[in-house]
Protein backbone atom coordinates (compact mmCIF):
# COMPACT_ATOMS: atom_id res chain seq x y z
CA UNK A 1 13.89 4.49 -40.76
CA UNK A 2 12.89 1.20 -42.41
CA UNK A 3 13.14 2.12 -46.09
CA UNK A 4 14.67 0.42 -49.14
CA UNK A 5 14.90 3.65 -51.21
CA UNK A 6 17.76 5.91 -49.94
CA UNK A 7 16.38 8.85 -51.93
CA UNK A 8 13.11 8.68 -49.99
CA UNK A 9 15.03 8.82 -46.70
CA UNK A 10 16.84 11.94 -47.94
CA UNK A 11 13.49 13.46 -48.89
CA UNK A 12 11.98 12.73 -45.46
CA UNK A 13 15.06 14.07 -43.63
CA UNK A 14 15.00 17.26 -45.69
CA UNK A 15 11.34 17.88 -44.84
CA UNK A 16 11.90 17.26 -41.12
CA UNK A 17 14.92 19.58 -40.94
CA UNK A 18 12.99 22.22 -42.82
CA UNK A 19 10.34 21.94 -40.09
CA UNK A 20 12.93 22.62 -37.39
CA UNK A 21 13.52 19.13 -36.03
CA UNK A 22 17.02 18.12 -34.93
CA UNK A 23 17.60 14.37 -35.26
CA UNK A 24 19.82 11.56 -36.43
CA UNK A 25 18.53 8.84 -38.75
CA UNK A 26 19.66 5.26 -39.28
CA UNK A 27 18.31 3.61 -42.42
CA UNK A 28 17.71 -0.14 -42.51
CA UNK A 29 15.97 -2.29 -45.12
CA UNK A 30 16.22 -5.88 -43.89
CA UNK A 31 15.01 -7.89 -40.92
CA UNK A 32 18.55 -8.36 -39.59
CA UNK A 33 19.36 -4.67 -40.00
CA UNK A 34 16.14 -3.69 -38.22
CA UNK A 35 16.84 -6.07 -35.29
CA UNK A 36 20.42 -4.83 -35.00
CA UNK A 37 19.27 -1.18 -34.94
CA UNK A 38 16.75 -1.86 -32.16
CA UNK A 39 19.43 -3.60 -30.09
CA UNK A 40 22.48 -1.42 -30.75
CA UNK A 41 20.89 2.03 -31.04
CA UNK A 42 17.35 2.02 -29.59
CA UNK A 43 15.35 4.72 -31.40
CA UNK A 44 13.04 7.44 -30.10
CA UNK A 45 10.74 6.90 -33.08
CA UNK A 46 10.43 4.45 -35.96
CA UNK A 47 9.47 5.43 -39.51
CA UNK A 48 8.66 2.61 -41.92
CA UNK A 49 7.60 2.05 -45.49
CA UNK A 50 4.71 -0.36 -45.86
CA UNK A 51 5.96 -2.79 -48.47
CA UNK A 52 9.65 -3.64 -48.77
CA UNK A 53 11.19 -6.35 -50.95
CA UNK A 54 13.05 -7.99 -48.05
CA UNK A 55 10.94 -7.08 -45.01
CA UNK A 56 7.28 -6.24 -44.52
CA UNK A 57 6.30 -3.11 -42.55
CA UNK A 58 3.53 -4.93 -40.64
CA UNK A 59 6.06 -7.59 -39.57
CA UNK A 60 8.42 -4.82 -38.44
CA UNK A 61 5.59 -3.28 -36.40
CA UNK A 62 4.97 -6.60 -34.66
CA UNK A 63 8.68 -6.86 -33.77
CA UNK A 64 8.75 -3.28 -32.47
CA UNK A 65 5.70 -3.85 -30.30
CA UNK A 66 7.53 -6.75 -28.67
CA UNK A 67 10.99 -5.19 -28.38
CA UNK A 68 10.13 -1.52 -27.75
CA UNK A 69 6.37 -1.09 -27.28
CA UNK A 70 6.68 2.50 -26.05
CA UNK A 71 8.42 3.74 -29.21
CA UNK A 72 6.01 5.40 -31.70
CA UNK A 73 5.82 3.61 -35.06
CA UNK A 74 4.74 5.74 -38.05
CA UNK A 75 4.18 4.42 -41.55
CA UNK A 76 5.45 6.67 -44.36
CA UNK A 77 4.55 4.95 -47.61
CA UNK A 78 3.53 5.26 -51.25
CA UNK A 79 0.81 2.66 -50.70
CA UNK A 80 -2.50 4.49 -50.72
CA UNK A 81 -5.86 3.19 -49.68
CA UNK A 82 -8.11 3.34 -46.67
CA UNK A 83 -7.90 -0.42 -46.13
CA UNK A 84 -4.10 -0.36 -45.77
CA UNK A 85 -4.21 2.60 -43.39
CA UNK A 86 -6.86 0.95 -41.22
CA UNK A 87 -4.88 -2.29 -41.12
CA UNK A 88 -1.72 -0.54 -39.92
CA UNK A 89 -3.52 1.52 -37.29
CA UNK A 90 -5.48 -1.44 -35.93
CA UNK A 91 -2.20 -3.35 -35.77
CA UNK A 92 -0.84 -0.74 -33.38
CA UNK A 93 0.82 1.88 -35.57
CA UNK A 94 0.87 5.45 -34.27
CA UNK A 95 -0.04 7.00 -37.63
CA UNK A 96 0.01 6.47 -41.40
CA UNK A 97 1.17 9.12 -43.91
CA UNK A 98 1.76 9.16 -47.63
CA UNK A 99 5.13 10.24 -48.98
CA UNK A 100 3.42 12.81 -51.18
CA UNK A 101 2.04 14.52 -48.07
CA UNK A 102 5.16 14.92 -45.90
CA UNK A 103 4.21 18.40 -44.71
CA UNK A 104 2.30 16.79 -41.81
CA UNK A 105 5.14 14.47 -40.78
CA UNK A 106 6.96 16.85 -38.42
CA UNK A 107 3.78 17.68 -36.47
CA UNK A 108 2.85 13.97 -36.32
CA UNK A 109 6.32 13.13 -34.96
CA UNK A 110 6.19 15.92 -32.37
CA UNK A 111 2.75 14.78 -31.21
CA UNK A 112 3.85 11.14 -31.10
CA UNK A 113 7.00 11.93 -29.08
CA UNK A 114 5.02 14.10 -26.66
CA UNK A 115 2.47 11.31 -26.19
CA UNK A 116 5.27 8.79 -25.62
CA UNK A 117 6.82 11.07 -22.99
CA UNK A 118 3.51 11.43 -21.18
CA UNK A 119 2.95 7.67 -21.25
CA UNK A 120 6.46 7.12 -19.91
CA UNK A 121 5.86 9.56 -17.04
CA UNK A 122 2.53 7.95 -16.20
CA UNK A 123 4.07 4.48 -16.32
CA UNK A 124 6.87 5.61 -14.00
CA UNK A 125 4.39 7.13 -11.55
CA UNK A 126 2.38 3.91 -11.64
CA UNK A 127 5.51 1.86 -10.94
CA UNK A 128 6.38 4.12 -8.00
CA UNK A 129 2.82 3.83 -6.69
CA UNK A 130 2.94 0.04 -6.93
CA UNK A 131 6.28 0.03 -5.07
CA UNK A 132 4.88 2.24 -2.31
CA UNK A 133 1.75 0.10 -2.07
CA UNK A 134 3.88 -3.05 -1.85
CA UNK A 135 6.07 -1.48 0.86
CA UNK A 136 2.99 -0.34 2.79
CA UNK A 137 1.40 -3.79 2.51
CA UNK A 138 4.58 -5.42 3.83
CA UNK A 139 4.60 -3.01 6.79
CA UNK A 140 0.92 -3.66 7.49
CA UNK A 141 1.33 -7.42 7.26
CA UNK A 142 4.34 -7.24 9.59
CA UNK A 143 2.38 -5.20 12.15
CA UNK A 144 1.95 -7.27 15.34
CA UNK A 145 -1.49 -5.75 15.98
CA UNK A 146 -4.68 -6.64 14.15
CA UNK A 147 -5.48 -4.02 11.52
CA UNK A 148 -8.83 -3.76 9.78
CA UNK A 149 -10.03 -1.27 7.18
CA UNK A 150 -13.78 -0.83 7.38
CA UNK A 151 -16.23 1.08 5.21
CA UNK A 152 -18.74 3.27 7.07
CA UNK A 153 -21.36 0.59 6.42
CA UNK A 154 -19.37 -1.66 8.75
CA UNK A 155 -18.10 -4.00 6.03
CA UNK A 156 -14.49 -5.15 6.49
CA UNK A 157 -12.56 -4.50 3.26
CA UNK A 158 -9.05 -5.35 4.50
CA UNK A 159 -7.62 -7.46 7.33
CA UNK A 160 -3.93 -8.15 7.97
CA UNK A 161 -2.28 -11.38 9.12
CA UNK A 162 -2.36 -10.35 12.79
CA UNK A 163 -6.14 -10.02 12.64
CA UNK A 164 -6.35 -13.62 11.43
CA UNK A 165 -4.19 -14.77 14.36
CA UNK A 166 -6.17 -12.70 16.86
CA UNK A 167 -9.58 -13.97 15.79
CA UNK A 168 -8.33 -17.44 14.79
CA UNK A 169 -10.03 -17.45 11.40
CA UNK A 170 -8.94 -19.55 8.45
CA UNK A 171 -7.53 -16.51 6.66
CA UNK A 172 -8.20 -12.89 5.77
CA UNK A 173 -10.83 -13.99 3.25
CA UNK A 174 -12.95 -15.20 6.17
CA UNK A 175 -13.00 -11.63 7.53
CA UNK A 176 -13.24 -9.49 4.39
CA UNK A 177 -16.88 -8.82 3.64
CA UNK A 178 -18.07 -9.45 7.20
CA UNK A 179 -19.61 -6.67 9.24
CA UNK A 180 -17.46 -5.51 12.14
CA UNK A 181 -20.59 -5.05 14.25
CA UNK A 182 -20.89 -8.87 14.29
CA UNK A 183 -17.48 -9.09 16.01
CA UNK A 184 -18.26 -6.48 18.69
CA UNK A 185 -20.55 -6.56 21.72
CA UNK A 186 -24.08 -5.38 20.95
CA UNK A 187 -24.34 -1.64 20.29
CA UNK A 188 -20.60 -1.00 20.17
CA UNK A 189 -20.36 -0.36 16.41
CA UNK A 190 -22.14 2.98 16.86
CA UNK A 191 -19.46 3.93 19.39
CA UNK A 192 -16.73 3.10 16.87
CA UNK A 193 -18.40 5.35 14.27
CA UNK A 194 -18.66 8.17 16.81
CA UNK A 195 -15.00 7.95 17.81
CA UNK A 196 -13.85 7.71 14.19
CA UNK A 197 -15.82 10.85 13.43
CA UNK A 198 -14.17 12.63 16.36
CA UNK A 199 -10.73 11.66 15.04
CA UNK A 200 -11.25 13.88 11.96
CA UNK A 201 -11.24 16.97 14.15
CA UNK A 202 -8.23 16.02 16.26
CA UNK A 203 -4.75 17.43 15.61
CA UNK A 204 -3.33 13.92 16.05
CA UNK A 205 -5.94 11.56 14.59
CA UNK A 206 -6.85 8.43 16.49
CA UNK A 207 -8.79 7.48 19.59
CA UNK A 208 -7.91 4.56 21.87
CA UNK A 209 -10.38 2.65 24.04
CA UNK A 210 -10.93 -0.77 25.63
CA UNK A 211 -13.04 -3.21 23.64
CA UNK A 212 -13.78 -6.88 23.07
CA UNK A 213 -13.85 -8.93 19.87
CA UNK A 214 -15.35 -12.36 19.39
CA UNK A 215 -13.07 -15.07 17.98
CA UNK A 216 -14.06 -17.73 15.49
CA UNK A 217 -14.51 -20.20 18.37
CA UNK A 218 -17.03 -17.90 20.07
CA UNK A 219 -14.73 -16.76 22.88
CA UNK A 220 -14.19 -13.08 23.64
CA UNK A 221 -10.76 -11.49 23.53
CA UNK A 222 -9.88 -8.24 25.32
CA UNK A 223 -8.31 -5.63 23.06
CA UNK A 224 -7.21 -2.02 23.15
CA UNK A 225 -8.53 -0.35 20.01
CA UNK A 226 -7.44 2.71 18.04
CA UNK A 227 -9.74 4.08 15.32
CA UNK A 228 -8.84 6.67 12.69
CA UNK A 229 -10.81 8.17 9.84
CA UNK A 230 -8.98 7.33 6.56
CA UNK A 231 -9.49 6.80 2.83
CA UNK A 232 -9.21 3.37 1.22
CA UNK A 233 -9.40 2.90 -2.55
CA UNK A 234 -10.67 6.48 -2.92
CA UNK A 235 -13.56 5.89 -0.52
CA UNK A 236 -14.07 7.06 3.10
CA UNK A 237 -13.11 4.32 5.54
CA UNK A 238 -12.12 3.63 9.14
CA UNK A 239 -8.80 2.17 10.23
CA UNK A 240 -9.44 -0.11 13.20
CA UNK A 241 -6.30 -1.33 15.02
CA UNK A 242 -6.75 -3.84 17.86
CA UNK A 243 -3.99 -4.69 20.35
CA UNK A 244 -4.52 -7.95 22.26
CA UNK A 245 -4.49 -7.23 26.02
CA UNK A 246 -6.03 -10.53 27.15
CA UNK A 247 -2.89 -11.68 28.97
CA UNK A 248 -2.41 -8.23 30.47
CA UNK A 249 -6.00 -8.24 31.78
CA UNK A 250 -5.53 -11.75 33.14
CA UNK A 251 -2.33 -10.71 34.92
CA UNK A 252 -4.02 -7.63 36.37
CA UNK A 253 -6.92 -9.72 37.65
CA UNK A 254 -4.48 -12.21 39.18
CA UNK A 255 -2.58 -9.39 40.87
CA UNK A 256 -5.80 -7.94 42.28
CA UNK A 257 -6.80 -11.35 43.66
CA UNK A 258 -3.33 -11.77 45.16
CA UNK A 259 -3.48 -8.38 46.83
CA UNK A 260 -6.96 -9.08 48.18
CA UNK A 261 -5.83 -12.43 49.58
CA UNK A 262 -2.67 -10.96 51.11
CA UNK A 263 -4.66 -8.13 52.63
CA UNK A 264 -7.09 -10.57 54.18
CA UNK A 265 -4.22 -12.63 55.61
CA UNK A 266 -2.57 -9.55 57.10
CA UNK A 267 -5.80 -8.29 58.59
CA UNK A 268 -6.62 -11.57 60.27
CA UNK A 269 -3.08 -12.51 61.37
CA UNK A 270 -2.85 -12.99 65.26
CA UNK A 271 0.71 -11.60 65.36
CA UNK A 272 2.13 -8.16 64.61
CA UNK A 273 3.56 -7.88 61.09
CA UNK A 274 5.96 -5.13 60.14
CA UNK A 275 7.16 -4.64 56.54
CA UNK A 276 10.64 -3.08 56.29
CA UNK A 277 12.49 -2.12 53.11
CA UNK A 278 16.20 -2.74 52.48
CA UNK A 279 17.10 0.63 54.08
CA UNK A 280 15.36 -0.25 57.32
CA UNK A 281 12.33 1.99 56.78
CA UNK A 282 8.98 0.60 57.90
CA UNK A 283 6.64 0.50 54.93
CA UNK A 284 3.56 -0.81 56.77
CA UNK A 285 2.55 -2.57 59.94
CA UNK A 286 -0.33 -4.72 61.04
CA UNK A 287 -1.03 -5.76 64.61
CA UNK A 288 -3.78 -7.55 66.47
CA UNK A 289 -6.10 -5.41 68.60
CA UNK A 290 -4.24 -6.46 71.79
CA UNK A 291 -1.09 -4.70 70.59
CA UNK A 292 -2.61 -1.56 69.08
CA UNK A 293 -1.22 1.53 70.75
CA UNK A 294 1.84 -0.34 72.01
CA UNK A 295 5.01 1.75 72.05
CA UNK A 296 6.92 -1.22 70.63
CA UNK A 297 5.33 -0.59 67.21
CA UNK A 298 6.89 2.20 65.22
CA UNK A 299 4.86 4.32 62.81
CA UNK A 300 5.10 3.75 59.09
CA UNK A 301 8.09 5.57 57.60
CA UNK A 302 10.13 5.44 60.81
CA UNK A 303 13.55 3.84 60.97
CA UNK A 304 13.87 0.37 62.44
CA UNK A 305 17.39 0.31 63.92
CA UNK A 306 16.82 -2.40 66.49
């Protein structure tokens, strides 16, 4: 309580106790005393006279807004006048009462403390939300697969670092705002919408399928895509995750070519070829027409003990 008249503090305390409030008051009347009280015994609420010989109430309000902005600051003063009241309220005071009308003070304090509690809870929830969003963003950015969030119009509203690497763009800003349909083969965007719609009805959301995306250099990259119906910034959206399978496809194609070549070699070989595993079991055999039916060739799966 910033007040230079001890009798007025006693009067205020009496009125508050009569109203059923339980509290402890510390009276200060100088700048140094006010600063020490804020540091040593942070208050739940600040009451202040308007004009003090050694310290001005408006100056005290400015200090409180810097040091403890969430603490309600109520002027309790003899200074009447609409202009003074307006000045204190526009400066950030919670309320302004006259000492001759203390019957309202208890209800004003209760309302101010309740409002401060609500603001504190909201601020804490907002801090927790920001922490969760930051954690989620770190997880998304660390994801090795390209992740896009797309509005139903097709506009990309979010792209992670892996999407930049996959499509070799200059950054996420080069992707945000673009239409995903421009990155897909013709007519494929409608398929994405259809599969995303189906994911809403599935017990485990998400649908995976083979797709292609065009890079910044105009080349196509093979991807395996998963789409899920989600919400982003309180709006319906589609989560589009693309896993690069270009090297896998290239390896599969190489393996198919190798098998085709080996098969052609075996089929055209002039000599009999028998493939035996490490246990001596014949896995396959190939022979020229002149040897077909020969008893020297054992059937596949037989033992080769000789």
